[in-house]
Amino acid sequence: MNRLDRHVAVLQCIEAIRLYAAANDGKLPNQLNNIIEAHIPEDPVLKKPFTYHCINVMAILEAPAPEGTTIKEAMRYELKMATK
C-alpha cells in the first residue's frame, strides 16, 4: 500500500503543478510552496516533502528510494512546458 499511496501523492503533485502553470501563463512554480491552487501532499513513505527543482521550462519532481530498499523504489518525473 505504501507504494500505491506514494504514487498517488506524486500524481497529485504533478496535477497541482499543472494547475499552477495553467493559472500563471504556462510558468512553472519555483518551489512547491508557491502552489495555492491545490493541496501539495508530502511523501507518505518518508513523511517529508517531495524533492522539486525548476529550471527554465522544466521541473523535476523526485521521491528518493527509502533507506533499505533498491533504487527501483525511487521515483523521478520530468515535466516540460511547451513553448509557444
PDB file of N, CA and C in Angstrom:
ATOM      1  N   MET A   1       0.824  -1.207   0.000  1.00  0.00           N
ATOM      2  CA  MET A   1       0.000   0.000   0.000  1.00  0.00           C
ATOM      3  C   MET A   1       0.859   1.259   0.000  1.00  0.00           C
ATOM      4  N   ASN A   2       2.035   1.202   0.624  1.00  0.00           N
ATOM      5  CA  ASN A   2       2.896   2.382   0.647  1.00  0.00           C
ATOM      6  C   ASN A   2       3.276   2.827  -0.756  1.00  0.00           C
ATOM      7  N   ARG A   3       3.579   1.878  -1.628  1.00  0.00           N
ATOM      8  CA  ARG A   3       3.962   2.219  -2.997  1.00  0.00           C
ATOM      9  C   ARG A   3       2.798   2.892  -3.715  1.00  0.00           C
ATOM     10  N   LEU A   4       1.606   2.369  -3.547  1.00  0.00           N
ATOM     11  CA  LEU A   4       0.426   2.965  -4.186  1.00  0.00           C
ATOM     12  C   LEU A   4       0.149   4.358  -3.626  1.00  0.00           C
ATOM     13  N   ASP A   5       0.203   4.513  -2.316  1.00  0.00           N
ATOM     14  CA  ASP A   5      -0.017   5.824  -1.696  1.00  0.00           C
ATOM     15  C   ASP A   5       1.006   6.844  -2.187  1.00  0.00           C
ATOM     16  N   ARG A   6       2.238   6.408  -2.332  1.00  0.00           N
ATOM     17  CA  ARG A   6       3.302   7.296  -2.797  1.00  0.00           C
ATOM     18  C   ARG A   6       3.059   7.707  -4.250  1.00  0.00           C
ATOM     19  N   HIS A   7       2.668   6.756  -5.072  1.00  0.00           N
ATOM     20  CA  HIS A   7       2.412   7.055  -6.477  1.00  0.00           C
ATOM     21  C   HIS A   7       1.245   8.036  -6.614  1.00  0.00           C
ATOM     22  N   VAL A   8       0.204   7.840  -5.850  1.00  0.00           N
ATOM     23  CA  VAL A   8      -0.943   8.756  -5.882  1.00  0.00           C
ATOM     24  C   VAL A   8      -0.521  10.152  -5.427  1.00  0.00           C
ATOM     25  N   ALA A   9       0.291  10.250  -4.392  1.00  0.00           N
ATOM     26  CA  ALA A   9       0.750  11.551  -3.899  1.00  0.00           C
ATOM     27  C   ALA A   9       1.604  12.269  -4.943  1.00  0.00           C
ATOM     28  N   VAL A  10       2.466  11.540  -5.639  1.00  0.00           N
ATOM     29  CA  VAL A  10       3.277  12.148  -6.703  1.00  0.00           C
ATOM     30  C   VAL A  10       2.373  12.665  -7.808  1.00  0.00           C
ATOM     31  N   LEU A  11       1.386  11.882  -8.203  1.00  0.00           N
ATOM     32  CA  LEU A  11       0.462  12.321  -9.255  1.00  0.00           C
ATOM     33  C   LEU A  11      -0.338  13.545  -8.814  1.00  0.00           C
ATOM     34  N   GLN A  12      -0.684  13.642  -7.543  1.00  0.00           N
ATOM     35  CA  GLN A  12      -1.368  14.833  -7.035  1.00  0.00           C
ATOM     36  C   GLN A  12      -0.458  16.050  -7.140  1.00  0.00           C
ATOM     37  N   CYS A  13       0.813  15.875  -6.858  1.00  0.00           N
ATOM     38  CA  CYS A  13       1.771  16.981  -7.001  1.00  0.00           C
ATOM     39  C   CYS A  13       1.879  17.410  -8.464  1.00  0.00           C
ATOM     40  N   ILE A  14       1.953  16.457  -9.365  1.00  0.00           N
ATOM     41  CA  ILE A  14       2.041  16.781 -10.788  1.00  0.00           C
ATOM     42  C   ILE A  14       0.817  17.562 -11.238  1.00  0.00           C
ATOM     43  N   GLU A  15      -0.344  17.138 -10.827  1.00  0.00           N
ATOM     44  CA  GLU A  15      -1.566  17.859 -11.205  1.00  0.00           C
ATOM     45  C   GLU A  15      -1.598  19.257 -10.594  1.00  0.00           C
ATOM     46  N   ALA A  16      -1.089  19.409  -9.385  1.00  0.00           N
ATOM     47  CA  ALA A  16      -1.030  20.732  -8.761  1.00  0.00           C
ATOM     48  C   ALA A  16      -0.072  21.642  -9.532  1.00  0.00           C
ATOM     49  N   ILE A  17       1.044  21.083  -9.994  1.00  0.00           N
ATOM     50  CA  ILE A  17       1.989  21.858 -10.806  1.00  0.00           C
ATOM     51  C   ILE A  17       1.325  22.289 -12.108  1.00  0.00           C
ATOM     52  N   ARG A  18       0.579  21.406 -12.715  1.00  0.00           N
ATOM     53  CA  ARG A  18      -0.124  21.740 -13.959  1.00  0.00           C
ATOM     54  C   ARG A  18      -1.180  22.823 -13.727  1.00  0.00           C
ATOM     55  N   LEU A  19      -1.894  22.734 -12.620  1.00  0.00           N
ATOM     56  CA  LEU A  19      -2.884  23.772 -12.295  1.00  0.00           C
ATOM     57  C   LEU A  19      -2.210  25.122 -12.102  1.00  0.00           C
ATOM     58  N   TYR A  20      -1.081  25.120 -11.419  1.00  0.00           N
ATOM     59  CA  TYR A  20      -0.327  26.357 -11.216  1.00  0.00           C
ATOM     60  C   TYR A  20       0.075  26.947 -12.564  1.00  0.00           C
ATOM     61  N   ALA A  21       0.620  26.129 -13.428  1.00  0.00           N
ATOM     62  CA  ALA A  21       1.059  26.606 -14.742  1.00  0.00           C
ATOM     63  C   ALA A  21      -0.119  27.154 -15.542  1.00  0.00           C
ATOM     64  N   ALA A  22      -1.249  26.500 -15.477  1.00  0.00           N
ATOM     65  CA  ALA A  22      -2.434  26.961 -16.209  1.00  0.00           C
ATOM     66  C   ALA A  22      -2.897  28.327 -15.712  1.00  0.00           C
ATOM     67  N   ALA A  23      -2.739  28.575 -14.423  1.00  0.00           N
ATOM     68  CA  ALA A  23      -3.179  29.840 -13.843  1.00  0.00           C
ATOM     69  C   ALA A  23      -2.119  30.943 -13.944  1.00  0.00           C
ATOM     70  N   ASN A  24      -0.903  30.583 -14.386  1.00  0.00           N
ATOM     71  CA  ASN A  24       0.206  31.541 -14.407  1.00  0.00           C
ATOM     72  C   ASN A  24       0.896  31.591 -15.770  1.00  0.00           C
ATOM     73  N   ASP A  25       0.115  31.680 -16.816  1.00  0.00           N
ATOM     74  CA  ASP A  25       0.635  31.839 -18.184  1.00  0.00           C
ATOM     75  C   ASP A  25       1.657  30.783 -18.573  1.00  0.00           C
ATOM     76  N   GLY A  26       1.474  29.556 -18.124  1.00  0.00           N
ATOM     77  CA  GLY A  26       2.355  28.461 -18.507  1.00  0.00           C
ATOM     78  C   GLY A  26       3.665  28.391 -17.759  1.00  0.00           C
ATOM     79  N   LYS A  27       3.835  29.219 -16.750  1.00  0.00           N
ATOM     80  CA  LYS A  27       5.083  29.215 -15.971  1.00  0.00           C
ATOM     81  C   LYS A  27       5.001  28.180 -14.857  1.00  0.00           C
ATOM     82  N   LEU A  28       6.110  27.495 -14.665  1.00  0.00           N
ATOM     83  CA  LEU A  28       6.193  26.514 -13.590  1.00  0.00           C
ATOM     84  C   LEU A  28       6.523  27.207 -12.271  1.00  0.00           C
ATOM     85  N   PRO A  29       6.071  26.652 -11.150  1.00  0.00           N
ATOM     86  CA  PRO A  29       6.423  27.263  -9.860  1.00  0.00           C
ATOM     87  C   PRO A  29       7.902  27.069  -9.551  1.00  0.00           C
ATOM     88  N   ASN A  30       8.507  28.051  -8.904  1.00  0.00           N
ATOM     89  CA  ASN A  30       9.911  27.928  -8.490  1.00  0.00           C
ATOM     90  C   ASN A  30      10.076  26.898  -7.384  1.00  0.00           C
ATOM     91  N   GLN A  31       9.041  26.781  -6.559  1.00  0.00           N
ATOM     92  CA  GLN A  31       9.045  25.784  -5.490  1.00  0.00           C
ATOM     93  C   GLN A  31       7.616  25.330  -5.250  1.00  0.00           C
ATOM     94  N   LEU A  32       7.446  24.163  -4.673  1.00  0.00           N
ATOM     95  CA  LEU A  32       6.105  23.628  -4.454  1.00  0.00           C
ATOM     96  C   LEU A  32       5.289  24.503  -3.512  1.00  0.00           C
ATOM     97  N   ASN A  33       5.943  25.213  -2.604  1.00  0.00           N
ATOM     98  CA  ASN A  33       5.237  26.083  -1.661  1.00  0.00           C
ATOM     99  C   ASN A  33       4.507  27.230  -2.358  1.00  0.00           C
ATOM    100  N   ASN A  34       4.891  27.541  -3.584  1.00  0.00           N
ATOM    101  CA  ASN A  34       4.236  28.625  -4.333  1.00  0.00           C
ATOM    102  C   ASN A  34       2.850  28.235  -4.831  1.00  0.00           C
ATOM    103  N   ILE A  35       2.540  26.973  -4.810  1.00  0.00           N
ATOM    104  CA  ILE A  35       1.260  26.494  -5.351  1.00  0.00           C
ATOM    105  C   ILE A  35       0.162  26.681  -4.322  1.00  0.00           C
ATOM    106  N   ILE A  36      -0.844  27.477  -4.695  1.00  0.00           N
ATOM    107  CA  ILE A  36      -2.000  27.679  -3.819  1.00  0.00           C
ATOM    108  C   ILE A  36      -3.270  27.128  -4.456  1.00  0.00           C
ATOM    109  N   GLU A  37      -3.172  26.705  -5.708  1.00  0.00           N
ATOM    110  CA  GLU A  37      -4.332  26.217  -6.448  1.00  0.00           C
ATOM    111  C   GLU A  37      -4.791  24.829  -6.000  1.00  0.00           C
ATOM    112  N   ALA A  38      -3.912  24.079  -5.350  1.00  0.00           N
ATOM    113  CA  ALA A  38      -4.243  22.722  -4.916  1.00  0.00           C
ATOM    114  C   ALA A  38      -3.353  22.340  -3.733  1.00  0.00           C
ATOM    115  N   HIS A  39      -3.796  21.323  -3.024  1.00  0.00           N
ATOM    116  CA  HIS A  39      -3.032  20.788  -1.887  1.00  0.00           C
ATOM    117  C   HIS A  39      -1.816  20.019  -2.400  1.00  0.00           C
ATOM    118  N   ILE A  40      -0.670  20.225  -1.778  1.00  0.00           N
ATOM    119  CA  ILE A  40       0.550  19.509  -2.119  1.00  0.00           C
ATOM    120  C   ILE A  40       0.818  18.484  -1.007  1.00  0.00           C
ATOM    121  N   PRO A  41       0.617  17.197  -1.315  1.00  0.00           N
ATOM    122  CA  PRO A  41       0.875  16.194  -0.274  1.00  0.00           C
ATOM    123  C   PRO A  41       2.365  15.977  -0.072  1.00  0.00           C
ATOM    124  N   GLU A  42       2.715  15.468   1.095  1.00  0.00           N
ATOM    125  CA  GLU A  42       4.104  15.099   1.336  1.00  0.00           C
ATOM    126  C   GLU A  42       4.275  13.628   0.958  1.00  0.00           C
ATOM    127  N   ASP A  43       5.509  13.202   0.889  1.00  0.00           N
ATOM    128  CA  ASP A  43       5.823  11.811   0.587  1.00  0.00           C
ATOM    129  C   ASP A  43       5.305  10.954   1.746  1.00  0.00           C
ATOM    130  N   PRO A  44       4.311  10.093   1.511  1.00  0.00           N
ATOM    131  CA  PRO A  44       3.745   9.312   2.613  1.00  0.00           C
ATOM    132  C   PRO A  44       4.695   8.245   3.166  1.00  0.00           C
ATOM    133  N   VAL A  45       5.725   7.915   2.409  1.00  0.00           N
ATOM    134  CA  VAL A  45       6.688   6.914   2.873  1.00  0.00           C
ATOM    135  C   VAL A  45       7.758   7.558   3.752  1.00  0.00           C
ATOM    136  N   LEU A  46       8.323   8.674   3.265  1.00  0.00           N
ATOM    137  CA  LEU A  46       9.398   9.333   4.006  1.00  0.00           C
ATOM    138  C   LEU A  46       8.888  10.390   4.988  1.00  0.00           C
ATOM    139  N   LYS A  47       7.605  10.721   4.891  1.00  0.00           N
ATOM    140  CA  LYS A  47       6.978  11.711   5.777  1.00  0.00           C
ATOM    141  C   LYS A  47       7.638  13.087   5.682  1.00  0.00           C
ATOM    142  N   LYS A  48       7.999  13.478   4.451  1.00  0.00           N
ATOM    143  CA  LYS A  48       8.560  14.800   4.206  1.00  0.00           C
ATOM    144  C   LYS A  48       8.222  15.222   2.782  1.00  0.00           C
ATOM    145  N   PRO A  49       8.405  16.494   2.438  1.00  0.00           N
ATOM    146  CA  PRO A  49       8.055  16.948   1.094  1.00  0.00           C
ATOM    147  C   PRO A  49       8.873  16.239   0.010  1.00  0.00           C
ATOM    148  N   PHE A  50       8.262  16.111  -1.156  1.00  0.00           N
ATOM    149  CA  PHE A  50       8.974  15.584  -2.308  1.00  0.00           C
ATOM    150  C   PHE A  50      10.047  16.592  -2.717  1.00  0.00           C
ATOM    151  N   THR A  51      11.087  16.119  -3.372  1.00  0.00           N
ATOM    152  CA  THR A  51      12.132  16.995  -3.888  1.00  0.00           C
ATOM    153  C   THR A  51      11.646  17.595  -5.201  1.00  0.00           C
ATOM    154  N   TYR A  52      11.804  18.912  -5.337  1.00  0.00           N
ATOM    155  CA  TYR A  52      11.336  19.610  -6.533  1.00  0.00           C
ATOM    156  C   TYR A  52      12.376  20.637  -6.959  1.00  0.00           C
ATOM    157  N   HIS A  53      12.685  20.642  -8.251  1.00  0.00           N
ATOM    158  CA  HIS A  53      13.592  21.622  -8.838  1.00  0.00           C
ATOM    159  C   HIS A  53      12.951  22.159 -10.101  1.00  0.00           C
ATOM    160  N   CYS A  54      13.097  23.442 -10.341  1.00  0.00           N
ATOM    161  CA  CYS A  54      12.581  24.053 -11.561  1.00  0.00           C
ATOM    162  C   CYS A  54      13.729  24.769 -12.262  1.00  0.00           C
ATOM    163  N   ILE A  55      13.941  24.413 -13.517  1.00  0.00           N
ATOM    164  CA  ILE A  55      14.988  25.036 -14.329  1.00  0.00           C
ATOM    165  C   ILE A  55      14.341  25.445 -15.652  1.00  0.00           C
ATOM    166  N   ASN A  56      14.146  26.756 -15.818  1.00  0.00           N
ATOM    167  CA  ASN A  56      13.516  27.307 -17.026  1.00  0.00           C
ATOM    168  C   ASN A  56      12.148  26.674 -17.279  1.00  0.00           C
ATOM    169  N   VAL A  57      12.016  25.895 -18.355  1.00  0.00           N
ATOM    170  CA  VAL A  57      10.713  25.311 -18.698  1.00  0.00           C
ATOM    171  C   VAL A  57      10.606  23.853 -18.256  1.00  0.00           C
ATOM    172  N   MET A  58      11.527  23.391 -17.409  1.00  0.00           N
ATOM    173  CA  MET A  58      11.488  22.009 -16.944  1.00  0.00           C
ATOM    174  C   MET A  58      11.452  21.948 -15.424  1.00  0.00           C
ATOM    175  N   ALA A  59      10.601  21.071 -14.927  1.00  0.00           N
ATOM    176  CA  ALA A  59      10.527  20.825 -13.489  1.00  0.00           C
ATOM    177  C   ALA A  59      10.854  19.355 -13.246  1.00  0.00           C
ATOM    178  N   ILE A  60      11.529  19.090 -12.149  1.00  0.00           N
ATOM    179  CA  ILE A  60      11.864  17.718 -11.771  1.00  0.00           C
ATOM    180  C   ILE A  60      11.270  17.459 -10.392  1.00  0.00           C
ATOM    181  N   LEU A  61      10.462  16.426 -10.312  1.00  0.00           N
ATOM    182  CA  LEU A  61       9.831  16.015  -9.062  1.00  0.00           C
ATOM    183  C   LEU A  61      10.388  14.643  -8.721  1.00  0.00           C
ATOM    184  N   GLU A  62      10.961  14.506  -7.519  1.00  0.00           N
ATOM    185  CA  GLU A  62      11.609  13.254  -7.149  1.00  0.00           C
ATOM    186  C   GLU A  62      11.157  12.758  -5.781  1.00  0.00           C
ATOM    187  N   ALA A  63      11.155  11.448  -5.673  1.00  0.00           N
ATOM    188  CA  ALA A  63      10.929  10.776  -4.405  1.00  0.00           C
ATOM    189  C   ALA A  63      12.042   9.743  -4.274  1.00  0.00           C
ATOM    190  N   PRO A  64      13.046  10.000  -3.437  1.00  0.00           N
ATOM    191  CA  PRO A  64      14.166   9.063  -3.336  1.00  0.00           C
ATOM    192  C   PRO A  64      13.736   7.715  -2.760  1.00  0.00           C
ATOM    193  N   ALA A  65      14.527   6.713  -3.060  1.00  0.00           N
ATOM    194  CA  ALA A  65      14.249   5.377  -2.522  1.00  0.00           C
ATOM    195  C   ALA A  65      14.406   5.404  -1.005  1.00  0.00           C
ATOM    196  N   PRO A  66      13.472   4.813  -0.295  1.00  0.00           N
ATOM    197  CA  PRO A  66      13.607   4.749   1.164  1.00  0.00           C
ATOM    198  C   PRO A  66      14.832   3.927   1.558  1.00  0.00           C
ATOM    199  N   GLU A  67      15.389   4.234   2.711  1.00  0.00           N
ATOM    200  CA  GLU A  67      16.560   3.509   3.209  1.00  0.00           C
ATOM    201  C   GLU A  67      16.234   2.021   3.328  1.00  0.00           C
ATOM    202  N   GLY A  68      17.164   1.206   2.871  1.00  0.00           N
ATOM    203  CA  GLY A  68      16.981  -0.240   2.959  1.00  0.00           C
ATOM    204  C   GLY A  68      16.253  -0.841   1.768  1.00  0.00           C
ATOM    205  N   THR A  69      15.934  -0.009   0.742  1.00  0.00           N
ATOM    206  CA  THR A  69      15.281  -0.526  -0.459  1.00  0.00           C
ATOM    207  C   THR A  69      16.204  -0.332  -1.650  1.00  0.00           C
ATOM    208  N   THR A  70      15.751  -0.784  -2.796  1.00  0.00           N
ATOM    209  CA  THR A  70      16.551  -0.645  -4.013  1.00  0.00           C
ATOM    210  C   THR A  70      16.180   0.645  -4.732  1.00  0.00           C
ATOM    211  N   ILE A  71      16.996   1.001  -5.704  1.00  0.00           N
ATOM    212  CA  ILE A  71      16.773   2.211  -6.496  1.00  0.00           C
ATOM    213  C   ILE A  71      15.447   2.132  -7.261  1.00  0.00           C
ATOM    214  N   LYS A  72      14.942   0.932  -7.463  1.00  0.00           N
ATOM    215  CA  LYS A  72      13.661   0.759  -8.159  1.00  0.00           C
ATOM    216  C   LYS A  72      12.508   1.408  -7.397  1.00  0.00           C
ATOM    217  N   GLU A  73      12.710   1.655  -6.127  1.00  0.00           N
ATOM    218  CA  GLU A  73      11.661   2.282  -5.313  1.00  0.00           C
ATOM    219  C   GLU A  73      11.654   3.805  -5.441  1.00  0.00           C
ATOM    220  N   ALA A  74      12.678   4.360  -6.086  1.00  0.00           N
ATOM    221  CA  ALA A  74      12.735   5.810  -6.287  1.00  0.00           C
ATOM    222  C   ALA A  74      11.809   6.207  -7.432  1.00  0.00           C
ATOM    223  N   MET A  75      11.360   7.457  -7.406  1.00  0.00           N
ATOM    224  CA  MET A  75      10.527   7.996  -8.472  1.00  0.00           C
ATOM    225  C   MET A  75      11.141   9.302  -8.950  1.00  0.00           C
ATOM    226  N   ARG A  76      11.059   9.541 -10.252  1.00  0.00           N
ATOM    227  CA  ARG A  76      11.552  10.791 -10.826  1.00  0.00           C
ATOM    228  C   ARG A  76      10.665  11.122 -12.020  1.00  0.00           C
ATOM    229  N   TYR A  77      10.105  12.309 -11.978  1.00  0.00           N
ATOM    230  CA  TYR A  77       9.277  12.801 -13.076  1.00  0.00           C
ATOM    231  C   TYR A  77       9.877  14.099 -13.586  1.00  0.00           C
ATOM    232  N   GLU A  78       9.999  14.204 -14.894  1.00  0.00           N
ATOM    233  CA  GLU A  78      10.463  15.433 -15.530  1.00  0.00           C
ATOM    234  C   GLU A  78       9.281  16.020 -16.294  1.00  0.00           C
ATOM    235  N   LEU A  79       8.928  17.246 -15.935  1.00  0.00           N
ATOM    236  CA  LEU A  79       7.810  17.928 -16.554  1.00  0.00           C
ATOM    237  C   LEU A  79       8.368  19.067 -17.386  1.00  0.00           C
ATOM    238  N   LYS A  80       7.986  19.113 -18.649  1.00  0.00           N
ATOM    239  CA  LYS A  80       8.495  20.162 -19.525  1.00  0.00           C
ATOM    240  C   LYS A  80       7.312  20.902 -20.139  1.00  0.00           C
ATOM    241  N   MET A  81       7.343  22.212 -20.014  1.00  0.00           N
ATOM    242  CA  MET A  81       6.272  23.032 -20.564  1.00  0.00           C
ATOM    243  C   MET A  81       6.550  23.290 -22.036  1.00  0.00           C
ATOM    244  N   ALA A  82       5.506  23.202 -22.817  1.00  0.00           N
ATOM    245  CA  ALA A  82       5.637  23.501 -24.248  1.00  0.00           C
ATOM    246  C   ALA A  82       5.855  25.002 -24.416  1.00  0.00           C
ATOM    247  N   THR A  83       6.716  25.348 -25.342  1.00  0.00           N
ATOM    248  CA  THR A  83       6.952  26.754 -25.615  1.00  0.00           C
ATOM    249  C   THR A  83       6.047  27.189 -26.760  1.00  0.00           C
ATOM    250  N   LYS A  84       5.636  28.427 -26.696  1.00  0.00           N
ATOM    251  CA  LYS A  84       4.710  28.937 -27.717  1.00  0.00           C
ATOM    252  C   LYS A  84       5.456  29.477 -28.900  1.00  0.00           C
TER     253      LYS A  84
END
